[in-house]
Amino acid sequence: MKTVTLDINQKTCVLEVRDSELLIETLRDRLGLLGTKYSCLEGDCGACTVLLDGNNVLSCLILTLEAEGRKITTIEGMSPGGELHPVQQAFIDAGAVQCGFCTPGMVLASKALLDKNSHPDKEDIVRALDGNLCRCTGYVRIVEAVTAAAKAMEKTS
């Protein structure tokens, strides 16, 4: 076991972790951050997406020890104080959710895109969401939501 200090959703967390402990295990099983989903555990679906220093990563492929000293954002950290982030609101407004299983990963990947590219075109959005699978939608409303979020974020900046 090793001691690790993590910055998760702007809170410092000190834990003893196994060398082989995956970030998804730490987030879900030990810290109760259930928005990060277990799914393929192979890096194929994006359901376990979190932001690590602002970049979307698959928490099923990252050891917790690798996250030490880095900023981790989960879906629970997207709405501090209970106010929805514009990406979350856009997903709701566009009806870009169905079963909701992929939604946290989609929202986080969308936020990472918009933080780097405030005016993405459709191809940029599709490329940014390429690693996030949804079995319920045709992605049309998801792309519309990201486009709407970009416009909403532009108005507030």
C-alpha atoms as a PDB file:
ATOM      1  CA  MET A   1       0.000   0.000   0.000  1.00  0.00           C
ATOM      2  CA  LYS A   2       1.152   3.497  -0.779  1.00  0.00           C
ATOM      3  CA  THR A   3      -0.143   6.864   0.357  1.00  0.00           C
ATOM      4  CA  VAL A   4      -1.456   9.044  -2.443  1.00  0.00           C
ATOM      5  CA  THR A   5      -2.745  12.608  -2.354  1.00  0.00           C
ATOM      6  CA  LEU A   6      -5.406  13.320  -4.945  1.00  0.00           C
ATOM      7  CA  ASP A   7      -7.133  16.547  -6.008  1.00  0.00           C
ATOM      8  CA  ILE A   8     -10.637  15.353  -6.850  1.00  0.00           C
ATOM      9  CA  ASN A   9     -13.290  17.902  -7.741  1.00  0.00           C
ATOM     10  CA  GLN A  10     -11.230  20.616  -6.025  1.00  0.00           C
ATOM     11  CA  LYS A  11     -10.964  18.659  -2.780  1.00  0.00           C
ATOM     12  CA  THR A  12      -7.805  17.068  -1.424  1.00  0.00           C
ATOM     13  CA  CYS A  13      -8.057  13.401  -0.588  1.00  0.00           C
ATOM     14  CA  VAL A  14      -5.296  11.333   1.044  1.00  0.00           C
ATOM     15  CA  LEU A  15      -5.661   7.558   0.715  1.00  0.00           C
ATOM     16  CA  GLU A  16      -3.715   4.345   1.048  1.00  0.00           C
ATOM     17  CA  VAL A  17      -3.945   2.514  -2.298  1.00  0.00           C
ATOM     18  CA  ARG A  18      -2.636  -0.705  -3.768  1.00  0.00           C
ATOM     19  CA  ASP A  19       0.011  -0.384  -6.487  1.00  0.00           C
ATOM     20  CA  SER A  20      -2.431  -1.988  -8.930  1.00  0.00           C
ATOM     21  CA  GLU A  21      -5.523   0.027  -7.935  1.00  0.00           C
ATOM     22  CA  LEU A  22      -7.253   1.636 -10.898  1.00  0.00           C
ATOM     23  CA  LEU A  23      -8.546   5.176 -10.702  1.00  0.00           C
ATOM     24  CA  ILE A  24     -12.095   3.961 -11.412  1.00  0.00           C
ATOM     25  CA  GLU A  25     -11.885   1.682  -8.366  1.00  0.00           C
ATOM     26  CA  THR A  26     -10.742   4.544  -6.161  1.00  0.00           C
ATOM     27  CA  LEU A  27     -13.410   6.929  -7.431  1.00  0.00           C
ATOM     28  CA  ARG A  28     -16.393   4.561  -7.340  1.00  0.00           C
ATOM     29  CA  ASP A  29     -15.633   1.946  -4.734  1.00  0.00           C
ATOM     30  CA  ARG A  30     -13.710   3.973  -2.198  1.00  0.00           C
ATOM     31  CA  LEU A  31     -15.010   7.514  -2.644  1.00  0.00           C
ATOM     32  CA  GLY A  32     -18.579   6.828  -3.798  1.00  0.00           C
ATOM     33  CA  LEU A  33     -18.330   8.936  -6.967  1.00  0.00           C
ATOM     34  CA  LEU A  34     -20.752   6.787  -8.915  1.00  0.00           C
ATOM     35  CA  GLY A  35     -21.030   8.965 -12.025  1.00  0.00           C
ATOM     36  CA  THR A  36     -17.876   7.278 -13.299  1.00  0.00           C
ATOM     37  CA  LYS A  37     -19.216   4.028 -14.754  1.00  0.00           C
ATOM     38  CA  TYR A  38     -17.782   0.524 -14.833  1.00  0.00           C
ATOM     39  CA  SER A  39     -18.356  -0.931 -18.267  1.00  0.00           C
ATOM     40  CA  CYS A  40     -15.816  -2.544 -20.571  1.00  0.00           C
ATOM     41  CA  LEU A  41     -12.709  -2.114 -18.351  1.00  0.00           C
ATOM     42  CA  GLU A  42     -10.685  -2.191 -21.594  1.00  0.00           C
ATOM     43  CA  GLY A  43     -10.728   1.449 -22.667  1.00  0.00           C
ATOM     44  CA  ASP A  44     -13.206   0.888 -25.482  1.00  0.00           C
ATOM     45  CA  CYS A  45     -16.417   2.597 -24.372  1.00  0.00           C
ATOM     46  CA  GLY A  46     -15.692   5.874 -22.550  1.00  0.00           C
ATOM     47  CA  ALA A  47     -18.175   5.238 -19.734  1.00  0.00           C
ATOM     48  CA  CYS A  48     -15.395   5.704 -17.180  1.00  0.00           C
ATOM     49  CA  THR A  49     -14.209   9.044 -18.598  1.00  0.00           C
ATOM     50  CA  VAL A  50     -12.900  11.624 -16.148  1.00  0.00           C
ATOM     51  CA  LEU A  51     -10.828  14.741 -16.676  1.00  0.00           C
ATOM     52  CA  LEU A  52      -7.202  14.589 -15.619  1.00  0.00           C
ATOM     53  CA  ASP A  53      -5.602  18.031 -15.752  1.00  0.00           C
ATOM     54  CA  GLY A  54      -8.412  19.027 -18.122  1.00  0.00           C
ATOM     55  CA  ASN A  55      -7.914  16.152 -20.545  1.00  0.00           C
ATOM     56  CA  ASN A  56     -10.434  13.362 -20.872  1.00  0.00           C
ATOM     57  CA  VAL A  57      -8.962  10.013 -19.869  1.00  0.00           C
ATOM     58  CA  LEU A  58     -10.328   6.562 -19.246  1.00  0.00           C
ATOM     59  CA  SER A  59     -10.174   5.866 -15.531  1.00  0.00           C
ATOM     60  CA  CYS A  60     -10.225   2.107 -16.162  1.00  0.00           C
ATOM     61  CA  LEU A  61      -6.780   2.411 -17.743  1.00  0.00           C
ATOM     62  CA  ILE A  62      -5.127   4.762 -15.223  1.00  0.00           C
ATOM     63  CA  LEU A  63      -3.570   3.624 -11.989  1.00  0.00           C
ATOM     64  CA  THR A  64      -4.550   5.770  -9.021  1.00  0.00           C
ATOM     65  CA  LEU A  65      -0.853   6.296  -8.270  1.00  0.00           C
ATOM     66  CA  GLU A  66      -0.477   7.938 -11.712  1.00  0.00           C
ATOM     67  CA  ALA A  67      -3.049  10.565 -10.741  1.00  0.00           C
ATOM     68  CA  GLU A  68      -1.124  11.845  -7.731  1.00  0.00           C
ATOM     69  CA  GLY A  69      -0.620  15.597  -7.855  1.00  0.00           C
ATOM     70  CA  ARG A  70      -2.937  15.980 -10.831  1.00  0.00           C
ATOM     71  CA  LYS A  71      -6.364  17.609 -10.987  1.00  0.00           C
ATOM     72  CA  ILE A  72      -9.184  15.066 -11.360  1.00  0.00           C
ATOM     73  CA  THR A  73     -12.701  16.125 -12.326  1.00  0.00           C
ATOM     74  CA  THR A  74     -15.618  13.692 -12.282  1.00  0.00           C
ATOM     75  CA  ILE A  75     -19.177  14.418 -13.343  1.00  0.00           C
ATOM     76  CA  GLU A  76     -19.936  15.227  -9.694  1.00  0.00           C
ATOM     77  CA  GLY A  77     -17.420  18.080  -9.915  1.00  0.00           C
ATOM     78  CA  MET A  78     -19.091  19.671 -12.933  1.00  0.00           C
ATOM     79  CA  SER A  79     -21.752  21.495 -10.948  1.00  0.00           C
ATOM     80  CA  PRO A  80     -20.281  22.955  -7.782  1.00  0.00           C
ATOM     81  CA  GLY A  81     -22.965  24.565  -5.681  1.00  0.00           C
ATOM     82  CA  GLY A  82     -25.659  22.663  -7.570  1.00  0.00           C
ATOM     83  CA  GLU A  83     -25.699  24.916 -10.649  1.00  0.00           C
ATOM     84  CA  LEU A  84     -25.458  22.889 -13.837  1.00  0.00           C
ATOM     85  CA  HIS A  85     -22.521  23.486 -16.159  1.00  0.00           C
ATOM     86  CA  PRO A  86     -23.626  24.775 -19.593  1.00  0.00           C
ATOM     87  CA  VAL A  87     -22.695  21.414 -21.144  1.00  0.00           C
ATOM     88  CA  GLN A  88     -24.954  19.581 -18.700  1.00  0.00           C
ATOM     89  CA  GLN A  89     -27.810  22.013 -19.325  1.00  0.00           C
ATOM     90  CA  ALA A  90     -27.368  21.711 -23.101  1.00  0.00           C
ATOM     91  CA  PHE A  91     -27.571  17.907 -22.902  1.00  0.00           C
ATOM     92  CA  ILE A  92     -30.853  18.226 -21.017  1.00  0.00           C
ATOM     93  CA  ASP A  93     -32.264  20.900 -23.316  1.00  0.00           C
ATOM     94  CA  ALA A  94     -31.352  18.974 -26.476  1.00  0.00           C
ATOM     95  CA  GLY A  95     -32.733  15.680 -25.145  1.00  0.00           C
ATOM     96  CA  ALA A  96     -29.263  14.210 -25.636  1.00  0.00           C
ATOM     97  CA  VAL A  97     -29.759  11.535 -23.008  1.00  0.00           C
ATOM     98  CA  GLN A  98     -31.737   8.361 -23.051  1.00  0.00           C
ATOM     99  CA  CYS A  99     -30.714   5.690 -20.574  1.00  0.00           C
ATOM    100  CA  GLY A 100     -28.013   8.045 -19.236  1.00  0.00           C
ATOM    101  CA  PHE A 101     -25.279   5.450 -18.786  1.00  0.00           C
ATOM    102  CA  CYS A 102     -22.871   7.128 -21.232  1.00  0.00           C
ATOM    103  CA  THR A 103     -23.891  10.681 -20.350  1.00  0.00           C
ATOM    104  CA  PRO A 104     -21.263  11.456 -17.680  1.00  0.00           C
ATOM    105  CA  GLY A 105     -18.446  10.434 -20.017  1.00  0.00           C
ATOM    106  CA  MET A 106     -20.003  12.320 -22.935  1.00  0.00           C
ATOM    107  CA  VAL A 107     -20.421  15.472 -20.836  1.00  0.00           C
ATOM    108  CA  LEU A 108     -16.839  15.348 -19.564  1.00  0.00           C
ATOM    109  CA  ALA A 109     -15.402  14.706 -23.040  1.00  0.00           C
ATOM    110  CA  SER A 110     -17.498  17.613 -24.340  1.00  0.00           C
ATOM    111  CA  LYS A 111     -16.244  19.917 -21.594  1.00  0.00           C
ATOM    112  CA  ALA A 112     -12.641  18.977 -22.381  1.00  0.00           C
ATOM    113  CA  LEU A 113     -13.255  19.821 -26.039  1.00  0.00           C
ATOM    114  CA  LEU A 114     -14.936  23.154 -25.323  1.00  0.00           C
ATOM    115  CA  ASP A 115     -12.241  24.181 -22.864  1.00  0.00           C
ATOM    116  CA  LYS A 116      -9.704  23.817 -25.694  1.00  0.00           C
ATOM    117  CA  ASN A 117     -11.839  24.785 -28.706  1.00  0.00           C
ATOM    118  CA  SER A 118     -14.654  27.220 -28.024  1.00  0.00           C
ATOM    119  CA  HIS A 119     -15.933  27.095 -31.628  1.00  0.00           C
ATOM    120  CA  PRO A 120     -15.868  23.445 -32.674  1.00  0.00           C
ATOM    121  CA  ASP A 121     -17.475  22.345 -35.907  1.00  0.00           C
ATOM    122  CA  LYS A 122     -19.384  19.093 -36.250  1.00  0.00           C
ATOM    123  CA  GLU A 123     -16.261  17.138 -37.214  1.00  0.00           C
ATOM    124  CA  ASP A 124     -14.394  18.455 -34.149  1.00  0.00           C
ATOM    125  CA  ILE A 125     -17.245  17.342 -31.902  1.00  0.00           C
ATOM    126  CA  VAL A 126     -17.528  13.904 -33.486  1.00  0.00           C
ATOM    127  CA  ARG A 127     -13.751  13.417 -33.186  1.00  0.00           C
ATOM    128  CA  ALA A 128     -13.760  14.529 -29.526  1.00  0.00           C
ATOM    129  CA  LEU A 129     -16.553  12.084 -28.678  1.00  0.00           C
ATOM    130  CA  ASP A 130     -15.131   9.239 -30.746  1.00  0.00           C
ATOM    131  CA  GLY A 131     -14.072   7.237 -27.672  1.00  0.00           C
ATOM    132  CA  ASN A 132     -17.486   7.475 -25.996  1.00  0.00           C
ATOM    133  CA  LEU A 133     -20.018   4.883 -27.094  1.00  0.00           C
ATOM    134  CA  CYS A 134     -23.766   5.300 -26.814  1.00  0.00           C
ATOM    135  CA  ARG A 135     -26.061   2.440 -27.657  1.00  0.00           C
ATOM    136  CA  CYS A 136     -29.315   4.397 -27.309  1.00  0.00           C
ATOM    137  CA  THR A 137     -28.929   7.479 -29.496  1.00  0.00           C
ATOM    138  CA  GLY A 138     -27.809   8.258 -33.013  1.00  0.00           C
ATOM    139  CA  TYR A 139     -25.472  10.933 -31.606  1.00  0.00           C
ATOM    140  CA  VAL A 140     -27.353  13.692 -33.484  1.00  0.00           C
ATOM    141  CA  ARG A 141     -28.769  15.256 -30.325  1.00  0.00           C
ATOM    142  CA  ILE A 142     -25.436  14.854 -28.539  1.00  0.00           C
ATOM    143  CA  VAL A 143     -23.662  16.831 -31.283  1.00  0.00           C
ATOM    144  CA  GLU A 144     -26.469  19.408 -31.135  1.00  0.00           C
ATOM    145  CA  ALA A 145     -26.017  19.674 -27.366  1.00  0.00           C
ATOM    146  CA  VAL A 146     -22.283  20.303 -27.645  1.00  0.00           C
ATOM    147  CA  THR A 147     -22.911  22.949 -30.326  1.00  0.00           C
ATOM    148  CA  ALA A 148     -25.489  24.629 -28.094  1.00  0.00           C
ATOM    149  CA  ALA A 149     -23.156  24.447 -25.095  1.00  0.00           C
ATOM    150  CA  ALA A 150     -20.418  26.160 -27.100  1.00  0.00           C
ATOM    151  CA  LYS A 151     -22.810  29.009 -27.905  1.00  0.00           C
ATOM    152  CA  ALA A 152     -23.997  29.267 -24.310  1.00  0.00           C
ATOM    153  CA  MET A 153     -20.442  29.315 -22.987  1.00  0.00           C
ATOM    154  CA  GLU A 154     -19.506  31.996 -25.511  1.00  0.00           C
ATOM    155  CA  LYS A 155     -22.284  34.246 -24.170  1.00  0.00           C
ATOM    156  CA  THR A 156     -21.079  33.890 -20.572  1.00  0.00           C
ATOM    157  CA  SER A 157     -17.415  34.577 -21.249  1.00  0.00           C
END
